[in-house]
Amino acid sequence: MKYFDVHTHTNYSPLDSQAKEIALECLEKNIFYVDIGTNVDTSAIAVKHAQDFSNVYASVGIHPSDIKKVDIETAMGEIENLLVEYRNKKIVAIGETGLDYHYEGFDKDAQASVFIRHIDLAKKYKLPLMVHIRDAHEDAIKILNEHAVGLKVIIHCFTGNVDLVKRYISLGYFISINGVITFKNTNDLKNAIRETPIAQILSETDAPWLSPAPERGQINTPLKIIYVVDEIANVLGKDKESVANQLFLNAVSFFNIII
């Protein structure tokens, strides 16, 4: 079986110091993954990993919670420089971008402006969007409806309910599921997955965070994508191998890559 983790961070501590070992062990297990940038530095590391390891791809962007930490004009310019230099060298998406209203001190207008700038980059370079949304679904849907028509979109780390997932799948977006699906008391999420066409489901770890059961609380890695895929199969009541194969095919088709 082959697996595809569409959203992970081996460009972040503590995984960055083990990036080669993780990539090689994943390759042995037929695990492919996208390293996700959340600022200029981690985007550059993601691009380097994509060049260094055959089973690794990159996404570049500025996380909504990081925009207040940088000069956004300079940062967005450097993100575009990466796209210019490496566009055809395994950069497969723009982001992690989106909206995050979870922590105090966020600026809705600033986040919206930078989100739209990422959308414009996705249009310019004909790449999909890797979207992070936390406590901000209504505003995010409004922005996507107004600015992202025609783009491929991944709703990363989806943990919502049936009503919310129906809104996203009606827009043609892909729903990415991580280790949260293995946690207890996630019936709303499980029901949402059952309402999602399997052709629009993707798997992720969001490592080094959100390690799935039975290893919850430990440091996560892309190697644990197998737990996520197995639980998606359990929730759907389908054979694990067929689900793994389908999710793998969904990912390579979404990113337009050949493996």
C-alpha atoms as a PDB file:
ATOM      1  CA  MET A   1       0.000   0.000   0.000  1.00  0.00           C
ATOM      2  CA  LYS A   2       0.999   3.605  -0.566  1.00  0.00           C
ATOM      3  CA  TYR A   3       0.122   6.501   1.731  1.00  0.00           C
ATOM      4  CA  PHE A   4       0.117  10.254   1.249  1.00  0.00           C
ATOM      5  CA  ASP A   5       0.325  12.712   4.136  1.00  0.00           C
ATOM      6  CA  VAL A   6      -0.787  15.968   2.547  1.00  0.00           C
ATOM      7  CA  HIS A   7       0.101  18.185   5.511  1.00  0.00           C
ATOM      8  CA  THR A   8       3.061  17.721   7.823  1.00  0.00           C
ATOM      9  CA  HIS A   9       5.915  19.767   9.261  1.00  0.00           C
ATOM     10  CA  THR A  10       9.226  17.933   9.282  1.00  0.00           C
ATOM     11  CA  ASN A  11      10.604  21.440   8.758  1.00  0.00           C
ATOM     12  CA  TYR A  12       9.721  22.176  12.420  1.00  0.00           C
ATOM     13  CA  SER A  13      11.513  21.226  15.621  1.00  0.00           C
ATOM     14  CA  PRO A  14      11.968  18.521  16.779  1.00  0.00           C
ATOM     15  CA  LEU A  15      11.456  16.796  13.421  1.00  0.00           C
ATOM     16  CA  ASP A  16      13.797  19.041  11.432  1.00  0.00           C
ATOM     17  CA  SER A  17      16.869  17.466  13.011  1.00  0.00           C
ATOM     18  CA  GLN A  18      15.593  14.025  11.936  1.00  0.00           C
ATOM     19  CA  ALA A  19      14.323  15.008   8.490  1.00  0.00           C
ATOM     20  CA  LYS A  20      16.573  12.666   6.520  1.00  0.00           C
ATOM     21  CA  GLU A  21      15.866   9.673   8.741  1.00  0.00           C
ATOM     22  CA  ILE A  22      12.117  10.334   8.637  1.00  0.00           C
ATOM     23  CA  ALA A  23      12.088  10.719   4.858  1.00  0.00           C
ATOM     24  CA  LEU A  24      14.036   7.529   4.293  1.00  0.00           C
ATOM     25  CA  GLU A  25      11.934   5.485   6.700  1.00  0.00           C
ATOM     26  CA  CYS A  26       8.776   6.841   5.084  1.00  0.00           C
ATOM     27  CA  LEU A  27      10.109   5.924   1.652  1.00  0.00           C
ATOM     28  CA  GLU A  28      10.677   2.343   2.844  1.00  0.00           C
ATOM     29  CA  LYS A  29       7.031   2.247   3.926  1.00  0.00           C
ATOM     30  CA  ASN A  30       5.706   3.877   0.716  1.00  0.00           C
ATOM     31  CA  ILE A  31       4.741   7.067   2.546  1.00  0.00           C
ATOM     32  CA  PHE A  32       4.855  10.341   0.623  1.00  0.00           C
ATOM     33  CA  TYR A  33       4.212  13.749   2.163  1.00  0.00           C
ATOM     34  CA  VAL A  34       4.024  17.506   1.742  1.00  0.00           C
ATOM     35  CA  ASP A  35       6.108  19.637   4.081  1.00  0.00           C
ATOM     36  CA  ILE A  36       4.113  22.764   4.847  1.00  0.00           C
ATOM     37  CA  GLY A  37       5.661  26.196   5.256  1.00  0.00           C
ATOM     38  CA  THR A  38       4.166  28.606   7.784  1.00  0.00           C
ATOM     39  CA  ASN A  39       6.677  31.432   7.338  1.00  0.00           C
ATOM     40  CA  VAL A  40       9.599  32.262   5.058  1.00  0.00           C
ATOM     41  CA  ASP A  41      12.122  30.121   6.935  1.00  0.00           C
ATOM     42  CA  THR A  42       9.977  26.997   7.193  1.00  0.00           C
ATOM     43  CA  SER A  43       8.837  27.416   3.597  1.00  0.00           C
ATOM     44  CA  ALA A  44      12.470  27.499   2.470  1.00  0.00           C
ATOM     45  CA  ILE A  45      13.226  24.382   4.531  1.00  0.00           C
ATOM     46  CA  ALA A  46      10.206  22.624   3.024  1.00  0.00           C
ATOM     47  CA  VAL A  47      11.488  23.424  -0.452  1.00  0.00           C
ATOM     48  CA  LYS A  48      14.930  22.087   0.468  1.00  0.00           C
ATOM     49  CA  HIS A  49      13.420  18.863   1.790  1.00  0.00           C
ATOM     50  CA  ALA A  50      11.499  18.488  -1.459  1.00  0.00           C
ATOM     51  CA  GLN A  51      14.765  18.776  -3.392  1.00  0.00           C
ATOM     52  CA  ASP A  52      16.632  16.396  -1.096  1.00  0.00           C
ATOM     53  CA  PHE A  53      14.106  13.565  -0.741  1.00  0.00           C
ATOM     54  CA  SER A  54      12.223  11.827  -3.532  1.00  0.00           C
ATOM     55  CA  ASN A  55       9.065  11.228  -1.486  1.00  0.00           C
ATOM     56  CA  VAL A  56       8.741  14.795  -0.159  1.00  0.00           C
ATOM     57  CA  TYR A  57       6.953  17.796  -1.676  1.00  0.00           C
ATOM     58  CA  ALA A  58       6.570  21.384  -0.472  1.00  0.00           C
ATOM     59  CA  SER A  59       3.941  24.031   0.140  1.00  0.00           C
ATOM     60  CA  VAL A  60       4.944  27.640   0.817  1.00  0.00           C
ATOM     61  CA  GLY A  61       3.136  30.400   2.675  1.00  0.00           C
ATOM     62  CA  ILE A  62       2.616  32.481   5.801  1.00  0.00           C
ATOM     63  CA  HIS A  63       0.319  31.083   8.516  1.00  0.00           C
ATOM     64  CA  PRO A  64      -2.388  33.555   9.590  1.00  0.00           C
ATOM     65  CA  SER A  65      -1.096  33.531  13.160  1.00  0.00           C
ATOM     66  CA  ASP A  66       2.408  34.398  11.918  1.00  0.00           C
ATOM     67  CA  ILE A  67       1.587  37.474   9.870  1.00  0.00           C
ATOM     68  CA  LYS A  68       1.926  39.855  12.824  1.00  0.00           C
ATOM     69  CA  LYS A  69       5.470  38.577  13.434  1.00  0.00           C
ATOM     70  CA  VAL A  70       6.846  39.688  10.061  1.00  0.00           C
ATOM     71  CA  ASP A  71       6.971  42.549   7.618  1.00  0.00           C
ATOM     72  CA  ILE A  72       4.335  41.124   5.325  1.00  0.00           C
ATOM     73  CA  GLU A  73       5.545  42.878   2.179  1.00  0.00           C
ATOM     74  CA  THR A  74       9.026  41.454   2.587  1.00  0.00           C
ATOM     75  CA  ALA A  75       7.729  38.015   3.590  1.00  0.00           C
ATOM     76  CA  MET A  76       5.318  37.701   0.693  1.00  0.00           C
ATOM     77  CA  GLY A  77       8.052  38.816  -1.677  1.00  0.00           C
ATOM     78  CA  GLU A  78      10.340  36.076  -0.389  1.00  0.00           C
ATOM     79  CA  ILE A  79       7.566  33.490  -0.714  1.00  0.00           C
ATOM     80  CA  GLU A  80       7.121  34.529  -4.337  1.00  0.00           C
ATOM     81  CA  ASN A  81      10.870  34.314  -4.893  1.00  0.00           C
ATOM     82  CA  LEU A  82      10.694  30.674  -3.808  1.00  0.00           C
ATOM     83  CA  LEU A  83       7.881  30.115  -6.286  1.00  0.00           C
ATOM     84  CA  VAL A  84       9.833  31.740  -9.105  1.00  0.00           C
ATOM     85  CA  GLU A  85      12.919  29.639  -8.433  1.00  0.00           C
ATOM     86  CA  TYR A  86      11.300  26.321  -7.539  1.00  0.00           C
ATOM     87  CA  ARG A  87       7.825  26.382  -9.100  1.00  0.00           C
ATOM     88  CA  ASN A  88       8.511  23.284 -11.187  1.00  0.00           C
ATOM     89  CA  LYS A  89      10.665  21.625  -8.547  1.00  0.00           C
ATOM     90  CA  LYS A  90       8.074  20.002  -6.309  1.00  0.00           C
ATOM     91  CA  ILE A  91       6.282  23.023  -4.845  1.00  0.00           C
ATOM     92  CA  VAL A  92       2.754  21.668  -5.070  1.00  0.00           C
ATOM     93  CA  ALA A  93       0.627  24.183  -3.127  1.00  0.00           C
ATOM     94  CA  ILE A  94       0.337  27.661  -1.620  1.00  0.00           C
ATOM     95  CA  GLY A  95      -0.050  27.869   2.136  1.00  0.00           C
ATOM     96  CA  GLU A  96      -0.511  27.255   4.969  1.00  0.00           C
ATOM     97  CA  THR A  97      -2.814  30.226   4.653  1.00  0.00           C
ATOM     98  CA  GLY A  98      -6.279  31.127   5.897  1.00  0.00           C
ATOM     99  CA  LEU A  99      -7.861  32.585   9.022  1.00  0.00           C
ATOM    100  CA  ASP A 100      -7.309  31.882  12.708  1.00  0.00           C
ATOM    101  CA  TYR A 101      -9.434  33.648  15.325  1.00  0.00           C
ATOM    102  CA  HIS A 102      -8.603  31.278  18.164  1.00  0.00           C
ATOM    103  CA  TYR A 103      -6.077  33.292  20.127  1.00  0.00           C
ATOM    104  CA  GLU A 104      -6.576  36.824  21.413  1.00  0.00           C
ATOM    105  CA  GLY A 105      -4.937  39.655  19.540  1.00  0.00           C
ATOM    106  CA  PHE A 106      -5.801  38.567  15.996  1.00  0.00           C
ATOM    107  CA  ASP A 107      -6.519  41.169  13.320  1.00  0.00           C
ATOM    108  CA  LYS A 108      -9.361  40.052  11.045  1.00  0.00           C
ATOM    109  CA  ASP A 109      -8.663  42.629   8.363  1.00  0.00           C
ATOM    110  CA  ALA A 110      -4.944  41.857   8.230  1.00  0.00           C
ATOM    111  CA  GLN A 111      -5.573  38.117   8.074  1.00  0.00           C
ATOM    112  CA  ALA A 112      -8.133  38.540   5.316  1.00  0.00           C
ATOM    113  CA  SER A 113      -5.773  40.724   3.287  1.00  0.00           C
ATOM    114  CA  VAL A 114      -2.912  38.226   3.499  1.00  0.00           C
ATOM    115  CA  PHE A 115      -5.248  35.310   2.784  1.00  0.00           C
ATOM    116  CA  ILE A 116      -6.356  37.021  -0.422  1.00  0.00           C
ATOM    117  CA  ARG A 117      -2.741  37.644  -1.378  1.00  0.00           C
ATOM    118  CA  HIS A 118      -2.065  33.921  -1.070  1.00  0.00           C
ATOM    119  CA  ILE A 119      -5.122  33.218  -3.214  1.00  0.00           C
ATOM    120  CA  ASP A 120      -3.758  35.599  -5.837  1.00  0.00           C
ATOM    121  CA  LEU A 121      -0.416  33.751  -5.783  1.00  0.00           C
ATOM    122  CA  ALA A 122      -2.248  30.449  -6.241  1.00  0.00           C
ATOM    123  CA  LYS A 123      -3.985  31.876  -9.298  1.00  0.00           C
ATOM    124  CA  LYS A 124      -0.775  33.353 -10.708  1.00  0.00           C
ATOM    125  CA  TYR A 125       1.229  30.147 -10.336  1.00  0.00           C
ATOM    126  CA  LYS A 126      -1.691  27.788 -10.979  1.00  0.00           C
ATOM    127  CA  LEU A 127      -1.325  25.957  -7.684  1.00  0.00           C
ATOM    128  CA  PRO A 128      -3.821  24.681  -5.096  1.00  0.00           C
ATOM    129  CA  LEU A 129      -4.455  26.319  -1.720  1.00  0.00           C
ATOM    130  CA  MET A 130      -3.616  24.697   1.602  1.00  0.00           C
ATOM    131  CA  VAL A 131      -6.130  26.381   3.920  1.00  0.00           C
ATOM    132  CA  HIS A 132      -6.062  26.646   7.707  1.00  0.00           C
ATOM    133  CA  ILE A 133      -9.343  27.760   9.313  1.00  0.00           C
ATOM    134  CA  ARG A 134      -9.846  27.977  13.059  1.00  0.00           C
ATOM    135  CA  ASP A 135     -12.935  29.581  14.602  1.00  0.00           C
ATOM    136  CA  ALA A 136     -13.391  31.517  11.359  1.00  0.00           C
ATOM    137  CA  HIS A 137     -15.379  29.380   8.931  1.00  0.00           C
ATOM    138  CA  GLU A 138     -17.992  31.952   7.928  1.00  0.00           C
ATOM    139  CA  ASP A 139     -15.415  34.591   7.019  1.00  0.00           C
ATOM    140  CA  ALA A 140     -13.201  32.037   5.279  1.00  0.00           C
ATOM    141  CA  ILE A 141     -16.053  30.716   3.133  1.00  0.00           C
ATOM    142  CA  LYS A 142     -16.980  34.276   2.166  1.00  0.00           C
ATOM    143  CA  ILE A 143     -13.411  35.061   1.080  1.00  0.00           C
ATOM    144  CA  LEU A 144     -13.048  31.780  -0.801  1.00  0.00           C
ATOM    145  CA  ASN A 145     -16.357  32.313  -2.590  1.00  0.00           C
ATOM    146  CA  GLU A 146     -15.354  35.822  -3.623  1.00  0.00           C
ATOM    147  CA  HIS A 147     -11.723  35.243  -4.556  1.00  0.00           C
ATOM    148  CA  ALA A 148     -10.883  31.560  -5.059  1.00  0.00           C
ATOM    149  CA  VAL A 149     -13.381  30.425  -7.688  1.00  0.00           C
ATOM    150  CA  GLY A 150     -11.781  27.812  -9.906  1.00  0.00           C
ATOM    151  CA  LEU A 151      -8.933  26.993  -7.531  1.00  0.00           C
ATOM    152  CA  LYS A 152      -8.297  23.630  -5.938  1.00  0.00           C
ATOM    153  CA  VAL A 153      -8.629  23.935  -2.161  1.00  0.00           C
ATOM    154  CA  ILE A 154      -7.713  21.685   0.762  1.00  0.00           C
ATOM    155  CA  ILE A 155      -9.475  22.365   4.054  1.00  0.00           C
ATOM    156  CA  HIS A 156      -6.650  21.214   6.292  1.00  0.00           C
ATOM    157  CA  CYS A 157      -7.195  19.663   9.742  1.00  0.00           C
ATOM    158  CA  PHE A 158     -10.952  19.470   9.351  1.00  0.00           C
ATOM    159  CA  THR A 159     -12.683  18.774  12.674  1.00  0.00           C
ATOM    160  CA  GLY A 160     -16.158  20.114  11.958  1.00  0.00           C
ATOM    161  CA  ASN A 161     -19.631  18.631  11.706  1.00  0.00           C
ATOM    162  CA  VAL A 162     -21.904  17.384   8.934  1.00  0.00           C
ATOM    163  CA  ASP A 163     -23.399  20.783   8.136  1.00  0.00           C
ATOM    164  CA  LEU A 164     -19.991  22.378   7.737  1.00  0.00           C
ATOM    165  CA  VAL A 165     -18.484  19.593   5.661  1.00  0.00           C
ATOM    166  CA  LYS A 166     -21.463  19.714   3.302  1.00  0.00           C
ATOM    167  CA  ARG A 167     -20.766  23.388   2.637  1.00  0.00           C
ATOM    168  CA  TYR A 168     -17.148  22.678   1.763  1.00  0.00           C
ATOM    169  CA  ILE A 169     -17.776  19.635  -0.405  1.00  0.00           C
ATOM    170  CA  SER A 170     -20.499  21.510  -2.286  1.00  0.00           C
ATOM    171  CA  LEU A 171     -17.782  23.980  -3.301  1.00  0.00           C
ATOM    172  CA  GLY A 172     -15.657  21.111  -4.591  1.00  0.00           C
ATOM    173  CA  TYR A 173     -13.080  21.407  -1.825  1.00  0.00           C
ATOM    174  CA  PHE A 174     -11.087  18.507  -0.427  1.00  0.00           C
ATOM    175  CA  ILE A 175     -11.369  17.610   3.242  1.00  0.00           C
ATOM    176  CA  SER A 176      -8.134  16.643   4.985  1.00  0.00           C
ATOM    177  CA  ILE A 177      -8.392  14.447   8.064  1.00  0.00           C
ATOM    178  CA  ASN A 178      -5.673  13.960  10.680  1.00  0.00           C
ATOM    179  CA  GLY A 179      -5.130  12.098  13.950  1.00  0.00           C
ATOM    180  CA  VAL A 180      -8.066  13.811  15.666  1.00  0.00           C
ATOM    181  CA  ILE A 181     -10.265  11.191  13.992  1.00  0.00           C
ATOM    182  CA  THR A 182      -8.689   8.572  16.274  1.00  0.00           C
ATOM    183  CA  PHE A 183      -9.584  10.464  19.466  1.00  0.00           C
ATOM    184  CA  LYS A 184     -12.537   9.655  21.688  1.00  0.00           C
ATOM    185  CA  ASN A 185     -15.712  11.787  21.546  1.00  0.00           C
ATOM    186  CA  THR A 186     -15.314  12.757  17.891  1.00  0.00           C
ATOM    187  CA  ASN A 187     -18.694  11.501  16.693  1.00  0.00           C
ATOM    188  CA  ASP A 188     -19.496  14.762  14.887  1.00  0.00           C
ATOM    189  CA  LEU A 189     -16.294  14.461  12.876  1.00  0.00           C
ATOM    190  CA  LYS A 190     -16.888  10.795  12.124  1.00  0.00           C
ATOM    191  CA  ASN A 191     -20.402  11.577  10.903  1.00  0.00           C
ATOM    192  CA  ALA A 192     -18.990  14.369   8.735  1.00  0.00           C
ATOM    193  CA  ILE A 193     -16.525  11.953   7.141  1.00  0.00           C
ATOM    194  CA  ARG A 194     -19.336   9.529   6.376  1.00  0.00           C
ATOM    195  CA  GLU A 195     -21.107  12.357   4.506  1.00  0.00           C
ATOM    196  CA  THR A 196     -18.011  13.208   2.462  1.00  0.00           C
ATOM    197  CA  PRO A 197     -17.472  11.520  -0.915  1.00  0.00           C
ATOM    198  CA  ILE A 198     -14.315   9.442  -0.598  1.00  0.00           C
ATOM    199  CA  ALA A 199     -13.013  11.131  -3.754  1.00  0.00           C
ATOM    200  CA  GLN A 200     -12.822  14.378  -1.729  1.00  0.00           C
ATOM    201  CA  ILE A 201     -11.070  12.971   1.361  1.00  0.00           C
ATOM    202  CA  LEU A 202      -7.346  13.375   2.017  1.00  0.00           C
ATOM    203  CA  SER A 203      -5.175  12.190   4.912  1.00  0.00           C
ATOM    204  CA  GLU A 204      -2.654  14.162   6.952  1.00  0.00           C
ATOM    205  CA  THR A 205      -0.752  14.075  10.233  1.00  0.00           C
ATOM    206  CA  ASP A 206      -0.050  17.776  10.932  1.00  0.00           C
ATOM    207  CA  ALA A 207       3.080  16.423  12.637  1.00  0.00           C
ATOM    208  CA  PRO A 208       4.741  17.081  15.008  1.00  0.00           C
ATOM    209  CA  TRP A 209       1.334  17.793  16.600  1.00  0.00           C
ATOM    210  CA  LEU A 210      -1.886  15.780  17.009  1.00  0.00           C
ATOM    211  CA  SER A 211      -0.336  12.333  17.194  1.00  0.00           C
ATOM    212  CA  PRO A 212      -3.076   9.760  16.647  1.00  0.00           C
ATOM    213  CA  ALA A 213      -4.171   7.088  19.068  1.00  0.00           C
ATOM    214  CA  PRO A 214      -2.689   4.808  20.277  1.00  0.00           C
ATOM    215  CA  GLU A 215       0.244   7.246  20.482  1.00  0.00           C
ATOM    216  CA  ARG A 216      -1.675  10.387  21.449  1.00  0.00           C
ATOM    217  CA  GLY A 217       0.464  12.864  23.375  1.00  0.00           C
ATOM    218  CA  GLN A 218       3.688  11.737  21.763  1.00  0.00           C
ATOM    219  CA  ILE A 219       5.602  13.570  19.041  1.00  0.00           C
ATOM    220  CA  ASN A 220       3.900  12.954  15.728  1.00  0.00           C
ATOM    221  CA  THR A 221       5.611  12.128  12.424  1.00  0.00           C
ATOM    222  CA  PRO A 222       4.440  11.347   8.880  1.00  0.00           C
ATOM    223  CA  LEU A 223       5.032   7.666   9.686  1.00  0.00           C
ATOM    224  CA  LYS A 224       1.833   7.755  11.744  1.00  0.00           C
ATOM    225  CA  ILE A 225      -0.319   8.514   8.705  1.00  0.00           C
ATOM    226  CA  ILE A 226      -1.076   4.787   8.662  1.00  0.00           C
ATOM    227  CA  TYR A 227      -3.118   5.140  11.883  1.00  0.00           C
ATOM    228  CA  VAL A 228      -5.112   7.992  10.348  1.00  0.00           C
ATOM    229  CA  VAL A 229      -5.888   6.115   7.146  1.00  0.00           C
ATOM    230  CA  ASP A 230      -6.838   2.959   9.042  1.00  0.00           C
ATOM    231  CA  GLU A 231      -9.293   4.908  11.191  1.00  0.00           C
ATOM    232  CA  ILE A 232     -10.830   6.634   8.166  1.00  0.00           C
ATOM    233  CA  ALA A 233     -11.399   3.157   6.716  1.00  0.00           C
ATOM    234  CA  ASN A 234     -12.972   2.019   9.997  1.00  0.00           C
ATOM    235  CA  VAL A 235     -15.302   5.013  10.058  1.00  0.00           C
ATOM    236  CA  LEU A 236     -16.345   4.433   6.449  1.00  0.00           C
ATOM    237  CA  GLY A 237     -16.727   0.693   7.009  1.00  0.00           C
ATOM    238  CA  LYS A 238     -14.414  -0.032   4.099  1.00  0.00           C
ATOM    239  CA  ASP A 239     -11.379  -2.202   3.478  1.00  0.00           C
ATOM    240  CA  LYS A 240      -8.186  -0.522   4.707  1.00  0.00           C
ATOM    241  CA  GLU A 241      -6.193  -1.267   1.583  1.00  0.00           C
ATOM    242  CA  SER A 242      -8.836   0.109  -0.768  1.00  0.00           C
ATOM    243  CA  VAL A 243      -9.173   3.286   1.317  1.00  0.00           C
ATOM    244  CA  ALA A 244      -5.407   3.764   1.479  1.00  0.00           C
ATOM    245  CA  ASN A 245      -5.173   3.373  -2.290  1.00  0.00           C
ATOM    246  CA  GLN A 246      -8.047   5.787  -2.901  1.00  0.00           C
ATOM    247  CA  LEU A 247      -6.649   8.475  -0.603  1.00  0.00           C
ATOM    248  CA  PHE A 248      -3.237   8.115  -2.228  1.00  0.00           C
ATOM    249  CA  LEU A 249      -4.765   8.518  -5.681  1.00  0.00           C
ATOM    250  CA  ASN A 250      -6.790  11.511  -4.458  1.00  0.00           C
ATOM    251  CA  ALA A 251      -3.594  13.229  -3.330  1.00  0.00           C
ATOM    252  CA  VAL A 252      -1.486  12.644  -6.424  1.00  0.00           C
ATOM    253  CA  SER A 253      -4.382  13.731  -8.614  1.00  0.00           C
ATOM    254  CA  PHE A 254      -5.054  16.828  -6.498  1.00  0.00           C
ATOM    255  CA  PHE A 255      -1.414  17.931  -6.629  1.00  0.00           C
ATOM    256  CA  ASN A 256      -1.029  16.826 -10.255  1.00  0.00           C
ATOM    257  CA  ILE A 257       2.065  14.762  -9.580  1.00  0.00           C
ATOM    258  CA  ILE A 258       3.279  11.443 -10.942  1.00  0.00           C
ATOM    259  CA  ILE A 259       4.739   8.845  -8.591  1.00  0.00           C
END
